Amino acid sequence: MINTLSIASDLSRAGIAKSHAEAIANAIGTSQEDLATKDFVRAEISTVRAEISSVRGEMSALETRLVRWIVGTVFAASGLLFAALQLMP
């Protein structure tokens, strides 16, 4: 964390007006708060990876359901076709 009081004091001792030094130090402190730390970025990446893993699991489950539905539909259509052929003279 940035010590804005120390920065303002240093700037004042260097000859910058106290009000200007405080404004500069506050601006530096505010801009530092907006920076992302490595730990924050790592945590965000971890969260995104967990979400991707979750979506992959959901996609796999949907794929399985879709394959089962297609196979069932093919068997049903084959059965209907077979029954229709049996009815033909």
Protein backbone atom coordinates (compact mmCIF):
# COMPACT_ATOMS: atom_id res chain seq x y z
CA MET A 1 0.00 0.00 0.00
CA ILE A 2 1.24 3.46 -0.81
CA ASN A 3 1.83 5.86 2.08
CA THR A 4 0.29 9.05 0.69
CA LEU A 5 1.16 11.05 3.81
CA SER A 6 4.84 10.26 3.29
CA ILE A 7 4.62 11.20 -0.39
CA ALA A 8 2.93 14.51 0.44
CA SER A 9 5.59 15.26 3.07
CA ASP A 10 8.39 14.45 0.64
CA LEU A 11 6.86 16.67 -2.02
CA SER A 12 6.37 19.52 0.46
CA ARG A 13 10.01 19.29 1.57
CA ALA A 14 11.02 19.41 -2.09
CA GLY A 15 9.34 22.81 -2.41
CA ILE A 16 5.88 21.93 -3.71
CA ALA A 17 3.02 23.75 -2.02
CA LYS A 18 1.38 21.63 0.69
CA SER A 19 -2.05 21.66 -1.00
CA HIS A 20 -0.50 20.59 -4.31
CA ALA A 21 1.62 17.92 -2.63
CA GLU A 22 -1.46 16.49 -0.89
CA ALA A 23 -3.43 16.51 -4.15
CA ILE A 24 -0.61 14.71 -5.98
CA ALA A 25 -0.25 12.14 -3.18
CA ASN A 26 -4.00 11.52 -3.14
CA ALA A 27 -4.01 11.06 -6.92
CA ILE A 28 -1.17 8.55 -6.65
CA GLY A 29 -2.98 6.70 -3.85
CA THR A 30 -6.25 6.59 -5.80
CA SER A 31 -4.56 5.34 -8.97
CA GLN A 32 -2.78 2.61 -6.99
CA GLU A 33 -6.13 1.35 -5.66
CA ASP A 34 -7.28 0.76 -9.24
CA LEU A 35 -4.31 -1.47 -10.08
CA ALA A 36 -4.84 -5.22 -10.06
CA THR A 37 -2.41 -7.23 -7.99
CA LYS A 38 -0.94 -10.52 -9.15
CA ASP A 39 -2.94 -12.32 -6.47
CA PHE A 40 -6.16 -10.70 -7.69
CA VAL A 41 -5.42 -11.68 -11.30
CA ARG A 42 -4.55 -15.22 -10.23
CA ALA A 43 -7.81 -15.47 -8.27
CA GLU A 44 -9.77 -14.22 -11.28
CA ILE A 45 -8.05 -16.70 -13.57
CA SER A 46 -8.84 -19.47 -11.10
CA THR A 47 -12.50 -18.41 -11.06
CA VAL A 48 -12.65 -18.36 -14.86
CA ARG A 49 -11.04 -21.80 -15.05
CA ALA A 50 -13.61 -23.15 -12.60
CA GLU A 51 -16.42 -21.68 -14.71
CA ILE A 52 -14.94 -23.19 -17.89
CA SER A 53 -14.70 -26.58 -16.17
CA SER A 54 -18.33 -26.30 -15.09
CA VAL A 55 -19.44 -25.41 -18.62
CA ARG A 56 -17.44 -28.34 -20.03
CA GLY A 57 -19.23 -30.68 -17.63
CA GLU A 58 -22.61 -29.29 -18.65
CA MET A 59 -21.72 -29.63 -22.34
CA SER A 60 -20.64 -33.23 -21.80
CA ALA A 61 -23.93 -34.04 -20.08
CA LEU A 62 -25.88 -32.39 -22.90
CA GLU A 63 -23.86 -34.30 -25.48
CA THR A 64 -24.68 -37.58 -23.75
CA ARG A 65 -28.38 -36.71 -23.65
CA LEU A 66 -28.32 -35.73 -27.32
CA VAL A 67 -26.63 -38.98 -28.39
CA ARG A 68 -29.17 -41.00 -26.38
CA TRP A 69 -32.03 -39.08 -27.98
CA ILE A 70 -30.63 -39.59 -31.49
CA VAL A 71 -30.06 -43.32 -30.93
CA GLY A 72 -33.57 -43.68 -29.50
CA THR A 73 -35.05 -41.81 -32.46
CA VAL A 74 -33.16 -44.00 -34.95
CA PHE A 75 -34.40 -47.17 -33.21
CA ALA A 76 -37.96 -45.85 -33.13
CA ALA A 77 -37.85 -44.87 -36.81
CA SER A 78 -36.36 -48.26 -37.69
CA GLY A 79 -39.11 -50.00 -35.74
CA LEU A 80 -41.80 -47.99 -37.52
CA LEU A 81 -40.21 -48.71 -40.88
CA PHE A 82 -39.99 -52.42 -40.07
CA ALA A 83 -43.64 -52.47 -38.94
CA ALA A 84 -44.70 -50.63 -42.10
CA LEU A 85 -42.82 -53.13 -44.27
CA GLN A 86 -44.54 -56.02 -42.47
CA LEU A 87 -47.93 -54.54 -43.31
CA MET A 88 -47.13 -54.35 -47.01
CA PRO A 89 -48.22 -57.35 -49.08
